[in-house]
Amino acid sequence: RCKESFLTHDQRCRMNEDTGADYLTPWQISKCVDGGGVGLIDSSRCNNFAAGDVVISFNWPWQTHAVMTGSDLQKVDPQLVDGHLSYFLGAVGITGLTALLGIREKGHITKRANHTMVVSGAAGACGSIAGQIGRLDGCVRVVGICGSDEKCKAIVEDLGFSTAINYHLEDVPTRLKESCPDGIDVYFDNVGGAISDAVIAQMNNGSHIILCGQISQYNKDVPYPPPLSEETQKNLQSKNITRERFTVLNYMSKADAALCELSQWIKSGRIKVLETVVNGIENMGDAFCSMMKGGNIGKQIIKISH
């Protein structure tokens, strides 16, 4: 029985025949749409599961009840999230792992090195966690780029970002120069496009880009990662900036330890979790469209049953 499901920008890619990622399969016409979810076992014929177990799946049908094979489910411990089951879909799930392992594997943050980190899509599910991890791992300055004053206020006042830039209302290159006087050492890239070009132009020699997502490009008929402008390519080469695609599924051997660390940070209050919760399976379509337009702050959650 599905209790909560989550929506992600990756699901936009599943509307394409070629999703651009080996781990994503396209949705099939006339078939039930599926995605990540957390729920309870009502009854089980599988020895590994019993009634009442809390389970997650990346292939949960968008329906209130479903018959699923045991291989599609993973049992989780509610104590890891203090009973906030939706956190398994975000901060103590694949989203949190993407933020933590992306920073650890590709960000190369060094304590006491006075690193500056910039996060685009900073009020989204992954960006909001990534910025907090950057601060905890030693960055002296964490700057978030968002699409509204409400989001900018949330990441600074609630999450502890140093400052925020509203790309709809402010000149991003100018604000980056003001906010990052020593240049940029780490860039957690969720959006691509013109915003990323502006960030890369101000990155330091030997800096690092964590290529997490390119949401500004998902509606365009381009390969992933999308091609860069000639000027941006020259910046990468001349400054020896690393920019490699990051797929968290390649680092799952480190997942258990990382999830425990995320759980401890959240329980202690060192990481705060933002969610936008919509009630009712009948509202999934509207919630998805709202998310694609930037209507969510933090993880977009659909509460299906109580």
C-alpha atoms as a PDB file:
ATOM      1  CA  ARG A   1       0.000   0.000   0.000  1.00  0.00           C
ATOM      2  CA  CYS A   2       1.653   3.179  -1.172  1.00  0.00           C
ATOM      3  CA  LYS A   3       1.671   5.960   1.419  1.00  0.00           C
ATOM      4  CA  GLU A   4       3.801   8.574  -0.321  1.00  0.00           C
ATOM      5  CA  SER A   5       5.407   9.010  -3.721  1.00  0.00           C
ATOM      6  CA  PHE A   6       7.910  11.544  -4.971  1.00  0.00           C
ATOM      7  CA  LEU A   7       8.282  13.459  -8.194  1.00  0.00           C
ATOM      8  CA  THR A   8      11.612  14.274  -9.805  1.00  0.00           C
ATOM      9  CA  HIS A   9      12.807  16.134 -12.869  1.00  0.00           C
ATOM     10  CA  ASP A  10      14.297  12.858 -14.150  1.00  0.00           C
ATOM     11  CA  GLN A  11      10.723  11.756 -14.808  1.00  0.00           C
ATOM     12  CA  ARG A  12      10.566  14.393 -17.542  1.00  0.00           C
ATOM     13  CA  CYS A  13      13.252  12.349 -19.327  1.00  0.00           C
ATOM     14  CA  ARG A  14      11.019   9.256 -19.096  1.00  0.00           C
ATOM     15  CA  MET A  15       8.580  10.992 -21.449  1.00  0.00           C
ATOM     16  CA  ASN A  16      11.197  10.591 -24.194  1.00  0.00           C
ATOM     17  CA  GLU A  17      11.762   7.388 -26.129  1.00  0.00           C
ATOM     18  CA  ASP A  18      15.463   7.866 -25.397  1.00  0.00           C
ATOM     19  CA  THR A  19      15.695   8.905 -21.740  1.00  0.00           C
ATOM     20  CA  GLY A  20      19.384   9.763 -22.022  1.00  0.00           C
ATOM     21  CA  ALA A  21      20.256   7.539 -19.047  1.00  0.00           C
ATOM     22  CA  ASP A  22      20.825   3.792 -18.821  1.00  0.00           C
ATOM     23  CA  TYR A  23      19.068   3.614 -15.449  1.00  0.00           C
ATOM     24  CA  LEU A  24      15.845   5.274 -16.697  1.00  0.00           C
ATOM     25  CA  THR A  25      13.307   3.459 -18.847  1.00  0.00           C
ATOM     26  CA  PRO A  26      10.700   5.408 -20.826  1.00  0.00           C
ATOM     27  CA  TRP A  27       7.101   5.379 -19.674  1.00  0.00           C
ATOM     28  CA  GLN A  28       4.931   3.227 -21.922  1.00  0.00           C
ATOM     29  CA  ILE A  29       1.753   4.506 -23.539  1.00  0.00           C
ATOM     30  CA  SER A  30      -1.385   2.886 -21.986  1.00  0.00           C
ATOM     31  CA  LYS A  31       0.705   1.459 -19.117  1.00  0.00           C
ATOM     32  CA  CYS A  32       0.542   2.654 -15.516  1.00  0.00           C
ATOM     33  CA  VAL A  33       3.055   5.408 -14.798  1.00  0.00           C
ATOM     34  CA  ASP A  34       5.573   4.502 -12.097  1.00  0.00           C
ATOM     35  CA  GLY A  35       8.166   6.185  -9.924  1.00  0.00           C
ATOM     36  CA  GLY A  36       9.672   6.222  -6.466  1.00  0.00           C
ATOM     37  CA  GLY A  37       7.483   5.541  -3.463  1.00  0.00           C
ATOM     38  CA  VAL A  38       7.383   4.433   0.155  1.00  0.00           C
ATOM     39  CA  GLY A  39       4.639   2.330   1.654  1.00  0.00           C
ATOM     40  CA  LEU A  40       3.521  -0.509   3.892  1.00  0.00           C
ATOM     41  CA  ILE A  41       3.164  -4.204   3.204  1.00  0.00           C
ATOM     42  CA  ASP A  42      -0.477  -5.218   3.680  1.00  0.00           C
ATOM     43  CA  SER A  43       0.181  -8.911   3.081  1.00  0.00           C
ATOM     44  CA  SER A  44       3.091 -10.934   1.741  1.00  0.00           C
ATOM     45  CA  ARG A  45       3.884 -14.292   0.213  1.00  0.00           C
ATOM     46  CA  CYS A  46       7.583 -13.452   0.169  1.00  0.00           C
ATOM     47  CA  ASN A  47       9.751 -14.749   3.013  1.00  0.00           C
ATOM     48  CA  ASN A  48      11.743 -11.505   3.122  1.00  0.00           C
ATOM     49  CA  PHE A  49       8.728  -9.309   3.898  1.00  0.00           C
ATOM     50  CA  ALA A  50       5.903  -9.334   6.431  1.00  0.00           C
ATOM     51  CA  ALA A  51       2.737  -7.324   6.914  1.00  0.00           C
ATOM     52  CA  GLY A  52       3.558  -3.926   8.379  1.00  0.00           C
ATOM     53  CA  ASP A  53       7.067  -3.677   6.905  1.00  0.00           C
ATOM     54  CA  VAL A  54       7.998  -0.269   5.510  1.00  0.00           C
ATOM     55  CA  VAL A  55       9.388  -0.575   1.991  1.00  0.00           C
ATOM     56  CA  ILE A  56      10.593   1.668  -0.813  1.00  0.00           C
ATOM     57  CA  SER A  57      10.718   1.116  -4.547  1.00  0.00           C
ATOM     58  CA  PHE A  58      11.878   3.107  -7.568  1.00  0.00           C
ATOM     59  CA  ASN A  59       9.217   1.414  -9.698  1.00  0.00           C
ATOM     60  CA  TRP A  60       6.094   1.954  -7.642  1.00  0.00           C
ATOM     61  CA  PRO A  61       2.984   2.258  -9.841  1.00  0.00           C
ATOM     62  CA  TRP A  62       1.089   5.518  -9.395  1.00  0.00           C
ATOM     63  CA  GLN A  63      -1.817   3.817  -7.610  1.00  0.00           C
ATOM     64  CA  THR A  64      -2.938   3.404  -4.028  1.00  0.00           C
ATOM     65  CA  HIS A  65      -2.423  -0.371  -3.854  1.00  0.00           C
ATOM     66  CA  ALA A  66      -0.267  -2.663  -5.966  1.00  0.00           C
ATOM     67  CA  VAL A  67       0.916  -6.262  -6.135  1.00  0.00           C
ATOM     68  CA  MET A  68       4.699  -6.196  -6.482  1.00  0.00           C
ATOM     69  CA  THR A  69       7.519  -8.719  -6.582  1.00  0.00           C
ATOM     70  CA  GLY A  70       9.940  -8.786  -3.671  1.00  0.00           C
ATOM     71  CA  SER A  71      12.894  -7.974  -5.929  1.00  0.00           C
ATOM     72  CA  ASP A  72      11.369  -4.545  -6.628  1.00  0.00           C
ATOM     73  CA  LEU A  73      11.157  -3.640  -2.944  1.00  0.00           C
ATOM     74  CA  GLN A  74      13.659  -2.659  -0.270  1.00  0.00           C
ATOM     75  CA  LYS A  75      12.825  -2.809   3.430  1.00  0.00           C
ATOM     76  CA  VAL A  76      13.817   0.290   5.427  1.00  0.00           C
ATOM     77  CA  ASP A  77      13.982   1.163   9.113  1.00  0.00           C
ATOM     78  CA  PRO A  78      11.629   4.024  10.093  1.00  0.00           C
ATOM     79  CA  GLN A  79      13.951   4.895  13.008  1.00  0.00           C
ATOM     80  CA  LEU A  80      16.486   6.211  10.497  1.00  0.00           C
ATOM     81  CA  VAL A  81      14.095   9.067   9.734  1.00  0.00           C
ATOM     82  CA  ASP A  82      12.322   9.367  13.105  1.00  0.00           C
ATOM     83  CA  GLY A  83       9.107   8.231  11.428  1.00  0.00           C
ATOM     84  CA  HIS A  84       9.213  10.844   8.622  1.00  0.00           C
ATOM     85  CA  LEU A  85       8.779   8.218   5.914  1.00  0.00           C
ATOM     86  CA  SER A  86       8.927  10.751   3.089  1.00  0.00           C
ATOM     87  CA  TYR A  87      12.583  11.379   3.973  1.00  0.00           C
ATOM     88  CA  PHE A  88      13.368   7.954   2.469  1.00  0.00           C
ATOM     89  CA  LEU A  89      12.329   9.473  -0.853  1.00  0.00           C
ATOM     90  CA  GLY A  90      14.618  12.465  -0.451  1.00  0.00           C
ATOM     91  CA  ALA A  91      17.139  13.450   2.181  1.00  0.00           C
ATOM     92  CA  VAL A  92      17.763   9.890   3.479  1.00  0.00           C
ATOM     93  CA  GLY A  93      17.281   8.316   0.079  1.00  0.00           C
ATOM     94  CA  ILE A  94      18.605   8.604  -3.450  1.00  0.00           C
ATOM     95  CA  THR A  95      18.422  12.417  -3.362  1.00  0.00           C
ATOM     96  CA  GLY A  96      20.540  12.729  -0.236  1.00  0.00           C
ATOM     97  CA  LEU A  97      22.971  10.135  -1.581  1.00  0.00           C
ATOM     98  CA  THR A  98      23.340  12.104  -4.802  1.00  0.00           C
ATOM     99  CA  ALA A  99      24.140  15.266  -2.869  1.00  0.00           C
ATOM    100  CA  LEU A 100      26.542  13.657  -0.384  1.00  0.00           C
ATOM    101  CA  LEU A 101      28.390  11.280  -2.692  1.00  0.00           C
ATOM    102  CA  GLY A 102      28.470  13.831  -5.505  1.00  0.00           C
ATOM    103  CA  ILE A 103      30.241  16.304  -3.233  1.00  0.00           C
ATOM    104  CA  ARG A 104      32.565  13.704  -1.721  1.00  0.00           C
ATOM    105  CA  GLU A 105      33.495  12.021  -5.010  1.00  0.00           C
ATOM    106  CA  LYS A 106      33.605  15.017  -7.372  1.00  0.00           C
ATOM    107  CA  GLY A 107      33.720  18.180  -5.241  1.00  0.00           C
ATOM    108  CA  HIS A 108      37.110  17.700  -3.553  1.00  0.00           C
ATOM    109  CA  ILE A 109      36.290  20.106  -0.722  1.00  0.00           C
ATOM    110  CA  THR A 110      39.197  20.611   1.679  1.00  0.00           C
ATOM    111  CA  LYS A 111      38.682  21.868   5.217  1.00  0.00           C
ATOM    112  CA  ARG A 112      40.490  25.097   6.078  1.00  0.00           C
ATOM    113  CA  ALA A 113      41.070  25.784   2.357  1.00  0.00           C
ATOM    114  CA  ASN A 114      38.529  28.642   2.352  1.00  0.00           C
ATOM    115  CA  HIS A 115      36.562  27.055  -0.490  1.00  0.00           C
ATOM    116  CA  THR A 116      33.549  28.771  -2.019  1.00  0.00           C
ATOM    117  CA  MET A 117      30.713  26.617  -3.342  1.00  0.00           C
ATOM    118  CA  VAL A 118      27.855  27.618  -5.652  1.00  0.00           C
ATOM    119  CA  VAL A 119      24.686  25.548  -6.021  1.00  0.00           C
ATOM    120  CA  SER A 120      22.189  26.064  -8.837  1.00  0.00           C
ATOM    121  CA  GLY A 121      18.652  24.837  -8.314  1.00  0.00           C
ATOM    122  CA  ALA A 122      19.531  25.484  -4.689  1.00  0.00           C
ATOM    123  CA  ALA A 123      15.984  25.280  -3.309  1.00  0.00           C
ATOM    124  CA  GLY A 124      15.276  21.965  -5.018  1.00  0.00           C
ATOM    125  CA  ALA A 125      15.410  18.545  -3.408  1.00  0.00           C
ATOM    126  CA  CYS A 126      19.064  17.840  -4.168  1.00  0.00           C
ATOM    127  CA  GLY A 127      20.450  21.382  -4.201  1.00  0.00           C
ATOM    128  CA  SER A 128      19.006  22.241  -0.795  1.00  0.00           C
ATOM    129  CA  ILE A 129      20.784  19.242   0.750  1.00  0.00           C
ATOM    130  CA  ALA A 130      24.000  19.739  -1.235  1.00  0.00           C
ATOM    131  CA  GLY A 131      24.504  23.289  -0.019  1.00  0.00           C
ATOM    132  CA  GLN A 132      24.196  22.223   3.605  1.00  0.00           C
ATOM    133  CA  ILE A 133      26.647  19.364   3.092  1.00  0.00           C
ATOM    134  CA  GLY A 134      29.113  21.754   1.448  1.00  0.00           C
ATOM    135  CA  ARG A 135      28.976  23.951   4.544  1.00  0.00           C
ATOM    136  CA  LEU A 136      29.359  20.969   6.906  1.00  0.00           C
ATOM    137  CA  ASP A 137      32.284  19.608   4.879  1.00  0.00           C
ATOM    138  CA  GLY A 138      34.239  22.839   5.206  1.00  0.00           C
ATOM    139  CA  CYS A 139      33.198  25.446   2.631  1.00  0.00           C
ATOM    140  CA  VAL A 140      33.441  28.934   4.142  1.00  0.00           C
ATOM    141  CA  ARG A 141      30.951  30.341   1.646  1.00  0.00           C
ATOM    142  CA  VAL A 142      27.941  28.619   0.044  1.00  0.00           C
ATOM    143  CA  VAL A 143      25.934  30.589  -2.510  1.00  0.00           C
ATOM    144  CA  GLY A 144      22.604  29.344  -3.858  1.00  0.00           C
ATOM    145  CA  ILE A 145      20.904  30.330  -7.123  1.00  0.00           C
ATOM    146  CA  CYS A 146      17.083  30.136  -7.092  1.00  0.00           C
ATOM    147  CA  GLY A 147      14.069  31.348  -9.041  1.00  0.00           C
ATOM    148  CA  SER A 148      12.095  33.307  -6.450  1.00  0.00           C
ATOM    149  CA  ASP A 149      12.537  35.534  -3.412  1.00  0.00           C
ATOM    150  CA  GLU A 150      10.669  32.942  -1.321  1.00  0.00           C
ATOM    151  CA  LYS A 151      13.201  30.281  -2.247  1.00  0.00           C
ATOM    152  CA  CYS A 152      16.144  32.608  -1.645  1.00  0.00           C
ATOM    153  CA  LYS A 153      14.817  33.443   1.802  1.00  0.00           C
ATOM    154  CA  ALA A 154      14.299  29.764   2.652  1.00  0.00           C
ATOM    155  CA  ILE A 155      17.818  28.604   1.800  1.00  0.00           C
ATOM    156  CA  VAL A 156      19.481  31.477   3.668  1.00  0.00           C
ATOM    157  CA  GLU A 157      17.271  31.703   6.760  1.00  0.00           C
ATOM    158  CA  ASP A 158      16.320  28.038   7.135  1.00  0.00           C
ATOM    159  CA  LEU A 159      19.265  26.152   5.621  1.00  0.00           C
ATOM    160  CA  GLY A 160      22.240  28.373   6.391  1.00  0.00           C
ATOM    161  CA  PHE A 161      23.404  29.300   2.873  1.00  0.00           C
ATOM    162  CA  SER A 162      25.692  32.347   2.959  1.00  0.00           C
ATOM    163  CA  THR A 163      23.631  34.196   0.373  1.00  0.00           C
ATOM    164  CA  ALA A 164      21.178  33.557  -2.453  1.00  0.00           C
ATOM    165  CA  ILE A 165      20.691  34.938  -5.956  1.00  0.00           C
ATOM    166  CA  ASN A 166      17.275  35.237  -7.625  1.00  0.00           C
ATOM    167  CA  TYR A 167      18.106  34.649 -11.281  1.00  0.00           C
ATOM    168  CA  HIS A 168      14.724  36.003 -12.391  1.00  0.00           C
ATOM    169  CA  LEU A 169      15.271  39.410 -10.786  1.00  0.00           C
ATOM    170  CA  GLU A 170      19.027  39.820 -10.452  1.00  0.00           C
ATOM    171  CA  ASP A 171      21.999  39.898 -12.802  1.00  0.00           C
ATOM    172  CA  VAL A 172      23.683  36.579 -12.059  1.00  0.00           C
ATOM    173  CA  PRO A 173      27.274  37.432 -13.148  1.00  0.00           C
ATOM    174  CA  THR A 174      27.245  40.658 -11.135  1.00  0.00           C
ATOM    175  CA  ARG A 175      25.793  39.026  -8.036  1.00  0.00           C
ATOM    176  CA  LEU A 176      28.280  36.142  -8.281  1.00  0.00           C
ATOM    177  CA  LYS A 177      31.192  38.607  -8.279  1.00  0.00           C
ATOM    178  CA  GLU A 178      29.738  40.288  -5.185  1.00  0.00           C
ATOM    179  CA  SER A 179      28.972  37.019  -3.392  1.00  0.00           C
ATOM    180  CA  CYS A 180      32.155  35.135  -4.354  1.00  0.00           C
ATOM    181  CA  PRO A 181      34.996  37.676  -4.062  1.00  0.00           C
ATOM    182  CA  ASP A 182      37.625  34.906  -4.040  1.00  0.00           C
ATOM    183  CA  GLY A 183      36.152  33.081  -7.032  1.00  0.00           C
ATOM    184  CA  ILE A 184      34.356  29.739  -7.083  1.00  0.00           C
ATOM    185  CA  ASP A 185      36.006  26.435  -6.169  1.00  0.00           C
ATOM    186  CA  VAL A 186      33.082  23.977  -6.315  1.00  0.00           C
ATOM    187  CA  TYR A 187      29.934  24.168  -8.424  1.00  0.00           C
ATOM    188  CA  PHE A 188      27.018  21.799  -7.799  1.00  0.00           C
ATOM    189  CA  ASP A 189      25.244  22.055 -11.157  1.00  0.00           C
ATOM    190  CA  ASN A 190      21.550  21.158 -11.312  1.00  0.00           C
ATOM    191  CA  VAL A 191      20.461  23.357 -14.205  1.00  0.00           C
ATOM    192  CA  GLY A 192      23.006  23.874 -16.991  1.00  0.00           C
ATOM    193  CA  GLY A 193      22.413  26.545 -19.630  1.00  0.00           C
ATOM    194  CA  ALA A 194      23.130  30.252 -19.203  1.00  0.00           C
ATOM    195  CA  ILE A 195      23.282  30.105 -15.408  1.00  0.00           C
ATOM    196  CA  SER A 196      26.008  27.473 -15.502  1.00  0.00           C
ATOM    197  CA  ASP A 197      27.914  29.441 -18.146  1.00  0.00           C
ATOM    198  CA  ALA A 198      27.905  32.437 -15.776  1.00  0.00           C
ATOM    199  CA  VAL A 199      29.169  30.330 -12.858  1.00  0.00           C
ATOM    200  CA  ILE A 200      31.891  28.589 -14.863  1.00  0.00           C
ATOM    201  CA  ALA A 201      33.186  31.965 -16.092  1.00  0.00           C
ATOM    202  CA  GLN A 202      34.058  32.850 -12.484  1.00  0.00           C
ATOM    203  CA  MET A 203      35.508  29.532 -11.352  1.00  0.00           C
ATOM    204  CA  ASN A 204      39.071  29.319 -10.115  1.00  0.00           C
ATOM    205  CA  ASN A 205      41.943  27.356 -11.590  1.00  0.00           C
ATOM    206  CA  GLY A 206      41.725  23.675 -10.668  1.00  0.00           C
ATOM    207  CA  SER A 207      38.131  23.941  -9.489  1.00  0.00           C
ATOM    208  CA  HIS A 208      35.466  21.248  -9.750  1.00  0.00           C
ATOM    209  CA  ILE A 209      31.960  20.929 -11.208  1.00  0.00           C
ATOM    210  CA  ILE A 210      29.588  18.283  -9.846  1.00  0.00           C
ATOM    211  CA  LEU A 211      27.376  17.572 -12.844  1.00  0.00           C
ATOM    212  CA  CYS A 212      24.148  16.495 -11.163  1.00  0.00           C
ATOM    213  CA  GLY A 213      21.418  17.689 -13.552  1.00  0.00           C
ATOM    214  CA  GLN A 214      20.659  19.980 -16.478  1.00  0.00           C
ATOM    215  CA  ILE A 215      17.007  20.823 -15.948  1.00  0.00           C
ATOM    216  CA  SER A 216      17.106  23.905 -18.202  1.00  0.00           C
ATOM    217  CA  GLN A 217      17.915  21.603 -21.133  1.00  0.00           C
ATOM    218  CA  TYR A 218      15.465  18.724 -20.596  1.00  0.00           C
ATOM    219  CA  ASN A 219      12.876  20.028 -23.057  1.00  0.00           C
ATOM    220  CA  LYS A 220      15.486  20.441 -25.801  1.00  0.00           C
ATOM    221  CA  ASP A 221      16.491  17.815 -28.337  1.00  0.00           C
ATOM    222  CA  VAL A 222      20.121  17.612 -27.243  1.00  0.00           C
ATOM    223  CA  PRO A 223      22.292  14.810 -25.844  1.00  0.00           C
ATOM    224  CA  TYR A 224      23.106  14.530 -22.143  1.00  0.00           C
ATOM    225  CA  PRO A 225      25.222  16.202 -20.930  1.00  0.00           C
ATOM    226  CA  PRO A 226      24.248  19.003 -23.330  1.00  0.00           C
ATOM    227  CA  PRO A 227      27.017  20.585 -25.405  1.00  0.00           C
ATOM    228  CA  LEU A 228      28.687  23.683 -23.981  1.00  0.00           C
ATOM    229  CA  SER A 229      29.328  26.963 -25.729  1.00  0.00           C
ATOM    230  CA  GLU A 230      32.779  27.484 -27.220  1.00  0.00           C
ATOM    231  CA  GLU A 231      33.579  30.156 -24.635  1.00  0.00           C
ATOM    232  CA  THR A 232      32.611  27.884 -21.732  1.00  0.00           C
ATOM    233  CA  GLN A 233      34.659  25.021 -23.169  1.00  0.00           C
ATOM    234  CA  LYS A 234      37.668  27.337 -23.342  1.00  0.00           C
ATOM    235  CA  ASN A 235      37.142  28.312 -19.689  1.00  0.00           C
ATOM    236  CA  LEU A 236      37.123  24.660 -18.647  1.00  0.00           C
ATOM    237  CA  GLN A 237      40.294  23.901 -20.555  1.00  0.00           C
ATOM    238  CA  SER A 238      42.291  27.008 -19.714  1.00  0.00           C
ATOM    239  CA  LYS A 239      41.494  26.782 -15.981  1.00  0.00           C
ATOM    240  CA  ASN A 240      41.777  22.972 -15.770  1.00  0.00           C
ATOM    241  CA  ILE A 241      38.239  22.715 -14.355  1.00  0.00           C
ATOM    242  CA  THR A 242      36.972  19.162 -13.913  1.00  0.00           C
ATOM    243  CA  ARG A 243      33.423  18.498 -15.185  1.00  0.00           C
ATOM    244  CA  GLU A 244      32.395  14.861 -15.204  1.00  0.00           C
ATOM    245  CA  ARG A 245      28.946  13.339 -15.297  1.00  0.00           C
ATOM    246  CA  PHE A 246      27.963  12.005 -11.884  1.00  0.00           C
ATOM    247  CA  THR A 247      25.639   9.009 -11.509  1.00  0.00           C
ATOM    248  CA  VAL A 248      25.055   8.018  -7.903  1.00  0.00           C
ATOM    249  CA  LEU A 249      24.233   4.420  -8.829  1.00  0.00           C
ATOM    250  CA  ASN A 250      27.929   3.921  -9.612  1.00  0.00           C
ATOM    251  CA  TYR A 251      28.763   4.496  -5.931  1.00  0.00           C
ATOM    252  CA  MET A 252      26.172   2.345  -4.172  1.00  0.00           C
ATOM    253  CA  SER A 253      28.863   0.400  -2.292  1.00  0.00           C
ATOM    254  CA  LYS A 254      29.151   3.543  -0.144  1.00  0.00           C
ATOM    255  CA  ALA A 255      25.396   4.019   0.247  1.00  0.00           C
ATOM    256  CA  ASP A 256      24.827   2.444   3.675  1.00  0.00           C
ATOM    257  CA  ALA A 257      27.484   4.532   5.414  1.00  0.00           C
ATOM    258  CA  ALA A 258      26.326   7.662   3.609  1.00  0.00           C
ATOM    259  CA  LEU A 259      22.688   7.118   4.594  1.00  0.00           C
ATOM    260  CA  CYS A 260      23.685   6.687   8.238  1.00  0.00           C
ATOM    261  CA  GLU A 261      25.629   9.946   8.093  1.00  0.00           C
ATOM    262  CA  LEU A 262      22.675  11.762   6.523  1.00  0.00           C
ATOM    263  CA  SER A 263      20.331  10.308   9.148  1.00  0.00           C
ATOM    264  CA  GLN A 264      22.579  11.490  11.994  1.00  0.00           C
ATOM    265  CA  TRP A 265      22.873  14.986  10.533  1.00  0.00           C
ATOM    266  CA  ILE A 266      19.102  15.289  10.184  1.00  0.00           C
ATOM    267  CA  LYS A 267      18.334  13.902  13.641  1.00  0.00           C
ATOM    268  CA  SER A 268      20.829  16.326  15.187  1.00  0.00           C
ATOM    269  CA  GLY A 269      19.379  19.259  13.266  1.00  0.00           C
ATOM    270  CA  ARG A 270      22.586  19.961  11.364  1.00  0.00           C
ATOM    271  CA  ILE A 271      20.717  19.343   8.095  1.00  0.00           C
ATOM    272  CA  LYS A 272      17.183  20.624   7.670  1.00  0.00           C
ATOM    273  CA  VAL A 273      14.800  19.070   5.155  1.00  0.00           C
ATOM    274  CA  LEU A 274      12.475  21.079   2.916  1.00  0.00           C
ATOM    275  CA  GLU A 275       9.437  19.423   1.335  1.00  0.00           C
ATOM    276  CA  THR A 276       6.429  20.489  -0.706  1.00  0.00           C
ATOM    277  CA  VAL A 277       3.612  18.043   0.085  1.00  0.00           C
ATOM    278  CA  VAL A 278       0.471  17.607  -2.031  1.00  0.00           C
ATOM    279  CA  ASN A 279      -2.347  15.364  -0.817  1.00  0.00           C
ATOM    280  CA  GLY A 280      -4.139  12.887  -3.072  1.00  0.00           C
ATOM    281  CA  ILE A 281      -3.117  10.680  -5.973  1.00  0.00           C
ATOM    282  CA  GLU A 282      -5.575  12.608  -8.149  1.00  0.00           C
ATOM    283  CA  ASN A 283      -3.295  15.659  -7.839  1.00  0.00           C
ATOM    284  CA  MET A 284      -0.112  13.988  -9.103  1.00  0.00           C
ATOM    285  CA  GLY A 285      -0.378  15.479 -12.583  1.00  0.00           C
ATOM    286  CA  ASP A 286      -0.845  19.015 -11.305  1.00  0.00           C
ATOM    287  CA  ALA A 287       2.007  18.562  -8.831  1.00  0.00           C
ATOM    288  CA  PHE A 288       4.302  17.294 -11.570  1.00  0.00           C
ATOM    289  CA  CYS A 289       3.559  20.291 -13.808  1.00  0.00           C
ATOM    290  CA  SER A 290       4.048  22.652 -10.866  1.00  0.00           C
ATOM    291  CA  MET A 291       7.429  21.092 -10.102  1.00  0.00           C
ATOM    292  CA  MET A 292       8.559  21.442 -13.710  1.00  0.00           C
ATOM    293  CA  LYS A 293       7.711  25.152 -13.482  1.00  0.00           C
ATOM    294  CA  GLY A 294       9.651  25.551 -10.233  1.00  0.00           C
ATOM    295  CA  GLY A 295       6.636  25.550  -7.911  1.00  0.00           C
ATOM    296  CA  ASN A 296       8.212  23.290  -5.284  1.00  0.00           C
ATOM    297  CA  ILE A 297      10.616  24.111  -2.476  1.00  0.00           C
ATOM    298  CA  GLY A 298      12.627  21.025  -1.527  1.00  0.00           C
ATOM    299  CA  LYS A 299      11.347  17.559  -2.437  1.00  0.00           C
ATOM    300  CA  GLN A 300       8.002  17.326  -4.196  1.00  0.00           C
ATOM    301  CA  ILE A 301       6.021  14.702  -2.270  1.00  0.00           C
ATOM    302  CA  ILE A 302       2.590  13.256  -3.015  1.00  0.00           C
ATOM    303  CA  LYS A 303       0.830  11.871   0.062  1.00  0.00           C
ATOM    304  CA  ILE A 304      -1.349   9.072  -1.255  1.00  0.00           C
ATOM    305  CA  SER A 305      -2.720   7.523   1.948  1.00  0.00           C
ATOM    306  CA  HIS A 306      -2.487   8.164   5.683  1.00  0.00           C
END
